[in-house]
Structure formats: C-alpha cells, structure tokens
Amino acid sequence: MEISGAGRLAVRITSADVGKRVSVRQLTEDGAPGAKFTDTVGVLTSWDDGVLLITTKRGETVRIGESSLVAGKVVPSAPARRRGPAASYPELARVSSRGWRPVESERLGEWELRAAAGFTKRANSVLPLGDPGRPLDDALAAVRRWYAARGLPAYIQTATGAAGTQELLCAELEQRGWTREVTAEVWTGSLAPVADRTAGARVGLSRTADAGWLARYQRKGVSEVALRVLGGGPSVWFAAVPGADGGAPAAIGRCVVDGRWAGFAAVEVDPALRRRGLAGEVMAALARRALEEGASAAWLQVETDNAGARAMYTGLGFGAHHAYHHYRAPEGV
C-alpha cells in the first residue's frame, strides 16, 4: 500500500520497490517542535516489520522506521556522470580483475573464485558478477569450502554506488553474519590529461618489477606468487624514478593496458620526497605508453581515507565511479 503524506511531501515507495534506488526523508525527532529531517539516498534492500534498510553509495546500511517517513520516491539507478569516460560497473569489475590476476581461479556459475596464496584480498576473493547457478546459501557454502581447502579465509568482493552494483548482495551477506573489512573506491578519468603533464624526473619503464622497484613497493618480502600477480595482465608496465646514490627508487608505479582502459596501481613515493610531483610524473610516463597502445580511459583504486591521493587524482581529472568492499565469512558457522 502506498503511503501519502500531506501537502507536496509524499511517500511514493512501497516494499515492492526493494532493489531499487530511492531517496527518502525521515523525521528524526518524533514531530516535536523544531523537528529535524534527514535525507537518505541509496538502494532499498529490505522493508520488513516496519523497518526500511537502505544501502548508501559507500555501502553503509541505514535503518529507517516506516513511521518516521515523510517523503520517498524511486530515483534513477545511478546519477549522471559529469566527467570522465562512460563505464558500467560490470565492465570495470572485469577490467580491474584482469589487471590483478590470481594464480588460481574457478567458476561457480557466473561467479569467479580467485586465490593467490593470500597475497591481497583482490586476488583472494570471489568476484560475484551474475548468478552463481545455485541458491545463495548453497553458493556461500561452496565458497567457504573452496577457500578452506586452500587454507584461506573466504572473502567476497562486492560493489555499491553505481548502476549494476550489488547492494542487495551486501545486505544478504550482512544478514548471514559476513563482516565488511575493507572499503575503497574505483575512480575513472580520461587518459590524455594525465599524459599531458610536463615531464621533469627521469622515469624508466620496464615490463618487469626488478629488485629496485620491489625495494620501494610497500609490501615487503614479495613471494613468487606475488610476482606472478604483479606481472599478470594483458599489457603490464612498471615505472620507476631513480633514487639517490643508486638506492631504492624515489617513486614507482604500475599500469595495465587492457583495450581502451589503463589501470594504475602501486603509485608510491619515498616519504622524504612527497609533494614534489613525482607521483604525477610516474603516472604521466605510464599514461603516455598506454596511449601508444590505444588506451583512452583510465581507472585506479583509492582508499577512502587517503586524503593526499584523492586530492592528487582529483587534480588529474579523476572522479569516483563506485565503492567496493570485501566481506569475510563468519568463523565457526
């Protein structure tokens, strides 16, 4: 039953709209004088026993009592993007997965189970695009068995905040006790503005991550499995700015060219040399090589609390496309 409010405000959503993106306004002080309102936009993931659950763009779950609603409507599945290349979530998910390949994978229906001896959650988690080919509980049990057989915790990588993302799956996992441990964002931008930056430092490019590059890489003691992940992808390039006196590079970066996309990762700078533009110059050198190979768009992943990186990528013309999360299976269930 649709609930209507007085005046121009109306609640025009019902439990039949679960799975759709909605915008709602709720009363937060029970109608008292000076009452305040709160607006929430996200995917309606459930409406049971008088309580709505809405998953926001960043994957946060908001609980709203039905009685506090004063307005609500269904809105487009994703806001219009004002800049950067057009891309769907499934396209970016597949491109980013090809750019960070596991050493072992297996299909579960349309899901991909990925493992790489525990080196990064991205290479050791399920990419759940599409239908697993069986009921969800059966699929999750199969996922847990597959990772347990490899001595690994079971993780599922999900996304929120764009057309085709997985707010409903996030809600289902949380209801079953899976814990969200990591949240980051995928940003996209045009490649040419990155390549147009003026070169200053001498940036060397290589097809392999040599000892010098690895000396600057934040993950120490890199194993053979990790080297396979780092070197995997359609067309992989490593960049390095030489350090002083032949020591570790002053800055490094990695780029994977895959059709129209160039994916940047592992952009790291000597802490003593930060804020001198070295990260931008590493990305520019990689971007120029990617343009030569036919790429035109770029993507990268950035932590939500990395203010410095977010400011730099914004200055290069990048913007957030969607958030992604890693959910860990509950123990002993």
Protein backbone atom coordinates (compact mmCIF):
# COMPACT_ATOMS: atom_id res chain seq x y z
CA MET A 1 0.00 0.00 0.00
CA GLU A 2 1.40 3.39 -0.95
CA ILE A 3 1.60 5.87 1.90
CA SER A 4 0.80 9.50 1.08
CA GLY A 5 1.76 12.49 3.15
CA ALA A 6 0.19 15.91 3.44
CA GLY A 7 0.95 18.76 1.06
CA ARG A 8 3.61 18.22 -1.55
CA LEU A 9 5.52 15.68 0.51
CA ALA A 10 4.54 12.09 -0.16
CA VAL A 11 5.97 8.64 0.42
CA ARG A 12 5.69 7.07 -3.01
CA ILE A 13 7.63 3.89 -2.31
CA THR A 14 6.46 0.54 -1.02
CA SER A 15 8.00 -2.81 -0.14
CA ALA A 16 7.58 -3.71 -3.83
CA ASP A 17 10.44 -1.28 -4.54
CA VAL A 18 13.07 -3.37 -2.75
CA GLY A 19 16.13 -3.49 -5.00
CA LYS A 20 15.53 -0.02 -6.45
CA ARG A 21 17.42 3.20 -5.76
CA VAL A 22 15.35 5.53 -3.62
CA SER A 23 15.50 8.92 -1.98
CA VAL A 24 13.73 9.29 1.37
CA ARG A 25 13.25 11.93 4.02
CA GLN A 26 12.64 10.96 7.62
CA LEU A 27 11.63 12.85 10.72
CA THR A 28 14.31 12.43 13.36
CA GLU A 29 12.64 13.92 16.47
CA ASP A 30 9.15 12.40 16.54
CA GLY A 31 7.35 15.50 15.35
CA ALA A 32 8.41 17.70 18.28
CA PRO A 33 8.67 21.48 17.79
CA GLY A 34 11.81 22.25 15.83
CA ALA A 35 11.90 18.73 14.48
CA LYS A 36 14.72 17.89 12.09
CA PHE A 37 14.71 15.90 8.87
CA THR A 38 17.34 13.58 7.43
CA ASP A 39 17.62 12.66 3.76
CA THR A 40 18.99 9.31 2.61
CA VAL A 41 19.71 8.14 -0.93
CA GLY A 42 20.60 4.55 -1.72
CA VAL A 43 19.25 1.14 -2.66
CA LEU A 44 16.26 -0.13 -0.67
CA THR A 45 17.48 -3.57 0.39
CA SER A 46 14.59 -4.59 2.65
CA TRP A 47 11.31 -3.40 4.17
CA ASP A 48 10.20 -5.73 6.95
CA ASP A 49 8.29 -5.29 10.22
CA GLY A 50 8.02 -1.53 9.74
CA VAL A 51 11.75 -1.00 9.18
CA LEU A 52 13.46 0.01 5.93
CA LEU A 53 17.11 -0.82 5.24
CA ILE A 54 18.83 1.40 2.67
CA THR A 55 22.39 0.81 1.45
CA THR A 56 24.16 4.05 0.54
CA LYS A 57 26.68 4.62 -2.23
CA ARG A 58 29.58 3.84 0.13
CA GLY A 59 27.98 0.64 1.35
CA GLU A 60 26.70 1.89 4.69
CA THR A 61 23.38 0.45 5.88
CA VAL A 62 20.82 2.95 7.20
CA ARG A 63 17.83 1.73 9.26
CA ILE A 64 14.69 3.85 9.00
CA GLY A 65 11.43 3.32 10.83
CA GLU A 66 8.44 3.37 8.49
CA SER A 67 6.57 5.66 10.89
CA SER A 68 9.27 8.36 10.58
CA LEU A 69 8.99 8.67 6.78
CA VAL A 70 7.67 11.96 5.44
CA ALA A 71 8.76 11.61 1.80
CA GLY A 72 10.14 8.97 -0.50
CA LYS A 73 10.47 8.21 -4.19
CA VAL A 74 12.27 5.94 -6.62
CA VAL A 75 15.16 7.73 -8.38
CA PRO A 76 17.38 6.76 -11.34
CA SER A 77 19.68 3.82 -10.68
CA ALA A 78 22.79 6.00 -10.82
CA PRO A 79 23.42 9.75 -11.03
CA ALA A 80 24.56 11.20 -14.33
CA ARG A 81 28.34 11.41 -14.57
CA ARG A 82 29.60 14.88 -15.37
CA ARG A 83 33.12 13.97 -16.44
CA GLY A 84 35.25 11.01 -17.29
CA PRO A 85 34.62 8.03 -19.54
CA ALA A 86 31.27 6.28 -19.50
CA ALA A 87 31.52 2.80 -17.99
CA SER A 88 29.28 0.27 -16.30
CA TYR A 89 30.22 -1.44 -13.07
CA PRO A 90 30.44 -4.93 -14.66
CA GLU A 91 32.83 -3.60 -17.32
CA LEU A 92 35.12 -2.01 -14.76
CA ALA A 93 34.94 -5.02 -12.45
CA ARG A 94 36.10 -7.34 -15.21
CA VAL A 95 38.84 -4.96 -16.37
CA SER A 96 40.18 -4.48 -12.85
CA SER A 97 40.11 -8.24 -12.24
CA ARG A 98 42.11 -8.90 -15.42
CA GLY A 99 44.60 -6.30 -14.24
CA TRP A 100 45.27 -8.09 -10.93
CA ARG A 101 45.11 -11.76 -11.79
CA PRO A 102 45.11 -14.56 -9.21
CA VAL A 103 47.27 -17.64 -9.72
CA GLU A 104 44.24 -19.91 -9.43
CA SER A 105 40.59 -19.39 -10.30
CA GLU A 106 37.44 -21.44 -10.71
CA ARG A 107 33.91 -20.70 -11.88
CA LEU A 108 30.86 -21.06 -9.66
CA GLY A 109 28.12 -20.34 -12.14
CA GLU A 110 28.92 -16.78 -13.23
CA TRP A 111 30.93 -16.08 -10.08
CA GLU A 112 34.73 -16.29 -10.16
CA LEU A 113 36.60 -17.76 -7.19
CA ARG A 114 40.14 -16.38 -7.05
CA ALA A 115 43.18 -17.35 -4.99
CA ALA A 116 46.82 -16.29 -4.81
CA ALA A 117 48.20 -17.72 -1.54
CA GLY A 118 46.75 -14.80 0.41
CA PHE A 119 48.53 -12.00 -1.49
CA THR A 120 45.97 -9.15 -1.36
CA LYS A 121 42.25 -9.54 -0.88
CA ARG A 122 41.61 -8.58 -4.50
CA ALA A 123 43.35 -11.75 -5.70
CA ASN A 124 41.89 -13.89 -2.92
CA SER A 125 38.18 -13.18 -3.07
CA VAL A 126 35.10 -14.05 -5.07
CA LEU A 127 34.05 -11.73 -7.89
CA PRO A 128 30.28 -12.31 -7.83
CA LEU A 129 29.13 -10.99 -11.21
CA GLY A 130 25.86 -12.60 -12.23
CA ASP A 131 24.24 -15.80 -10.99
CA PRO A 132 26.21 -18.46 -9.06
CA GLY A 133 23.95 -21.13 -10.54
CA ARG A 134 22.50 -22.27 -7.21
CA PRO A 135 20.66 -20.80 -4.18
CA LEU A 136 22.71 -18.19 -2.32
CA ASP A 137 23.21 -20.26 0.83
CA ASP A 138 24.46 -23.19 -1.24
CA ALA A 139 26.79 -20.87 -3.16
CA LEU A 140 28.22 -19.38 0.03
CA ALA A 141 28.80 -22.85 1.45
CA ALA A 142 30.67 -23.82 -1.73
CA VAL A 143 32.74 -20.63 -1.47
CA ARG A 144 33.73 -21.42 2.10
CA ARG A 145 34.73 -24.97 1.21
CA TRP A 146 36.84 -23.80 -1.73
CA TYR A 147 38.85 -21.31 0.32
CA ALA A 148 39.13 -23.62 3.34
CA ALA A 149 40.71 -26.25 1.08
CA ARG A 150 43.44 -23.70 0.34
CA GLY A 151 43.92 -22.59 3.93
CA LEU A 152 42.45 -19.17 3.21
CA PRO A 153 39.61 -17.14 4.74
CA ALA A 154 36.60 -16.77 2.46
CA TYR A 155 36.09 -13.26 1.08
CA ILE A 156 33.56 -11.88 -1.37
CA GLN A 157 34.24 -8.62 -3.21
CA THR A 158 31.12 -6.51 -3.76
CA ALA A 159 30.38 -3.01 -5.01
CA THR A 160 27.89 -0.23 -4.30
CA GLY A 161 27.02 3.15 -5.72
CA ALA A 162 26.62 2.66 -9.48
CA ALA A 163 24.30 1.03 -11.97
CA GLY A 164 24.54 -2.75 -11.70
CA THR A 165 26.25 -2.83 -8.30
CA GLN A 166 25.43 -5.28 -5.52
CA GLU A 167 23.63 -3.56 -2.66
CA LEU A 168 21.21 -6.46 -2.32
CA LEU A 169 24.04 -8.99 -2.09
CA CYS A 170 25.76 -6.83 0.56
CA ALA A 171 22.57 -6.87 2.62
CA GLU A 172 22.22 -10.65 2.22
CA LEU A 173 25.81 -11.19 3.35
CA GLU A 174 25.38 -8.95 6.39
CA GLN A 175 22.21 -10.81 7.38
CA ARG A 176 24.26 -14.02 7.32
CA GLY A 177 27.00 -12.61 9.53
CA TRP A 178 29.61 -11.78 6.89
CA THR A 179 31.76 -8.85 8.03
CA ARG A 180 32.84 -5.98 5.82
CA GLU A 181 36.57 -5.45 6.40
CA VAL A 182 37.70 -3.22 3.54
CA THR A 183 36.08 -0.36 1.67
CA ALA A 184 37.75 1.60 -1.11
CA GLU A 185 36.68 3.31 -4.33
CA VAL A 186 37.28 2.88 -8.02
CA TRP A 187 37.87 6.19 -9.79
CA THR A 188 37.90 6.81 -13.52
CA GLY A 189 39.18 9.58 -15.77
CA SER A 190 40.38 10.41 -19.25
CA LEU A 191 43.90 9.26 -20.03
CA ALA A 192 45.11 12.16 -22.17
CA PRO A 193 45.14 14.82 -19.40
CA VAL A 194 47.34 12.51 -17.29
CA ALA A 195 49.75 12.01 -20.19
CA ASP A 196 49.90 15.76 -20.88
CA ARG A 197 51.66 16.56 -17.61
CA THR A 198 55.09 18.08 -18.14
CA ALA A 199 57.88 15.58 -17.61
CA GLY A 200 60.59 16.51 -15.14
CA ALA A 201 62.00 13.46 -13.43
CA ARG A 202 63.68 10.70 -15.45
CA VAL A 203 61.09 7.91 -15.40
CA GLY A 204 62.18 4.48 -16.59
CA LEU A 205 59.69 1.90 -17.87
CA SER A 206 60.05 -1.85 -17.76
CA ARG A 207 57.99 -4.96 -18.37
CA THR A 208 59.12 -6.50 -15.08
CA ALA A 209 59.29 -5.48 -11.44
CA ASP A 210 63.02 -5.61 -10.74
CA ALA A 211 64.74 -5.60 -7.36
CA GLY A 212 64.88 -1.81 -7.28
CA TRP A 213 61.16 -1.43 -7.97
CA LEU A 214 60.35 -4.00 -5.30
CA ALA A 215 62.58 -2.16 -2.80
CA ARG A 216 60.15 0.80 -2.96
CA TYR A 217 56.99 -1.32 -3.08
CA GLN A 218 55.12 -1.11 0.21
CA ARG A 219 54.66 -4.87 0.55
CA LYS A 220 57.99 -6.31 1.69
CA GLY A 221 59.20 -9.87 1.22
CA VAL A 222 57.33 -10.31 -2.05
CA SER A 223 56.91 -14.02 -2.88
CA GLU A 224 56.94 -15.77 -6.23
CA VAL A 225 53.14 -15.82 -6.09
CA ALA A 226 53.06 -12.06 -5.54
CA LEU A 227 55.39 -11.53 -8.50
CA ARG A 228 53.00 -13.53 -10.67
CA VAL A 229 50.10 -11.33 -9.57
CA LEU A 230 52.08 -8.13 -10.13
CA GLY A 231 53.19 -9.26 -13.56
CA GLY A 232 49.81 -10.61 -14.65
CA GLY A 233 47.51 -8.76 -17.01
CA PRO A 234 47.02 -8.00 -20.71
CA SER A 235 49.92 -5.49 -21.01
CA VAL A 236 51.78 -4.64 -17.81
CA TRP A 237 54.27 -1.78 -17.33
CA PHE A 238 56.35 -0.81 -14.30
CA ALA A 239 57.71 2.71 -13.84
CA ALA A 240 60.47 3.97 -11.55
CA VAL A 241 62.23 7.27 -10.85
CA PRO A 242 65.86 6.54 -9.86
CA GLY A 243 66.75 7.23 -6.26
CA ALA A 244 69.82 8.96 -4.93
CA ASP A 245 73.14 7.10 -4.90
CA GLY A 246 71.64 4.04 -6.57
CA GLY A 247 69.29 3.31 -3.68
CA ALA A 248 65.62 2.44 -3.85
CA PRO A 249 63.68 4.40 -6.49
CA ALA A 250 62.32 7.78 -5.49
CA ALA A 251 58.93 6.78 -6.92
CA ILE A 252 57.31 3.82 -8.63
CA GLY A 253 54.07 2.89 -10.34
CA ARG A 254 52.36 0.09 -12.25
CA CYS A 255 49.96 0.25 -15.19
CA VAL A 256 47.97 -2.43 -17.01
CA VAL A 257 46.70 -1.62 -20.51
CA ASP A 258 43.55 -3.53 -21.45
CA GLY A 259 41.76 -2.31 -24.58
CA ARG A 260 40.55 1.23 -24.00
CA TRP A 261 41.47 1.08 -20.32
CA ALA A 262 44.70 1.82 -18.47
CA GLY A 263 44.69 0.79 -14.81
CA PHE A 264 47.11 2.48 -12.39
CA ALA A 265 48.31 0.85 -9.18
CA ALA A 266 51.23 0.79 -6.72
CA VAL A 267 51.98 4.50 -7.19
CA GLU A 268 54.36 5.10 -4.29
CA VAL A 269 56.86 7.82 -3.43
CA ASP A 270 59.75 7.99 -0.96
CA PRO A 271 58.16 9.70 2.10
CA ALA A 272 61.03 12.21 2.15
CA LEU A 273 60.24 13.26 -1.43
CA ARG A 274 56.48 13.57 -1.35
CA ARG A 275 54.59 16.64 -2.61
CA ARG A 276 57.16 17.25 -5.34
CA GLY A 277 55.06 15.93 -8.20
CA LEU A 278 56.86 12.60 -8.58
CA ALA A 279 53.69 10.52 -8.40
CA GLY A 280 52.13 12.59 -11.18
CA GLU A 281 55.22 12.21 -13.34
CA VAL A 282 55.24 8.44 -12.89
CA MET A 283 51.58 8.32 -13.91
CA ALA A 284 52.25 10.61 -16.90
CA ALA A 285 55.00 8.34 -18.23
CA LEU A 286 52.78 5.30 -17.87
CA ALA A 287 49.84 7.15 -19.44
CA ARG A 288 51.89 8.09 -22.50
CA ARG A 289 52.83 4.46 -23.02
CA ALA A 290 49.19 3.41 -22.58
CA LEU A 291 48.09 5.97 -25.19
CA GLU A 292 50.61 4.49 -27.62
CA GLU A 293 48.92 1.11 -27.10
CA GLY A 294 45.49 2.52 -27.89
CA ALA A 295 44.02 3.23 -24.45
CA SER A 296 41.94 6.35 -23.87
CA ALA A 297 40.41 5.90 -20.39
CA ALA A 298 41.93 5.26 -17.00
CA TRP A 299 40.91 3.70 -13.71
CA LEU A 300 42.51 3.33 -10.30
CA GLN A 301 41.61 2.32 -6.78
CA VAL A 302 41.97 4.63 -3.80
CA GLU A 303 41.31 4.19 -0.09
CA THR A 304 38.51 6.31 1.31
CA ASP A 305 40.79 7.81 3.99
CA ASN A 306 43.78 8.62 1.73
CA ALA A 307 43.23 12.36 1.51
CA GLY A 308 46.52 13.08 -0.26
CA ALA A 309 45.94 10.58 -3.06
CA ARG A 310 42.34 11.67 -3.50
CA ALA A 311 43.39 15.29 -3.88
CA MET A 312 46.05 14.39 -6.45
CA TYR A 313 43.71 12.19 -8.51
CA THR A 314 41.02 14.87 -8.44
CA GLY A 315 43.57 17.32 -9.83
CA LEU A 316 44.29 14.85 -12.64
CA GLY A 317 40.62 14.77 -13.60
CA PHE A 318 39.59 11.52 -11.90
CA GLY A 319 36.31 11.06 -10.07
CA ALA A 320 34.67 8.31 -8.04
CA HIS A 321 32.75 5.70 -10.02
CA HIS A 322 31.76 3.20 -7.31
CA ALA A 323 32.80 1.86 -3.93
CA TYR A 324 33.96 -1.70 -3.42
CA HIS A 325 34.07 -3.85 -0.31
CA HIS A 326 35.47 -7.16 0.90
CA TYR A 327 33.21 -9.26 3.11
CA ARG A 328 34.71 -12.01 5.25
CA ALA A 329 32.79 -15.17 6.15
CA PRO A 330 31.87 -15.65 9.81
CA GLU A 331 34.03 -18.12 11.71
CA GLY A 332 32.74 -21.39 13.07
CA VAL A 333 29.43 -21.36 11.18
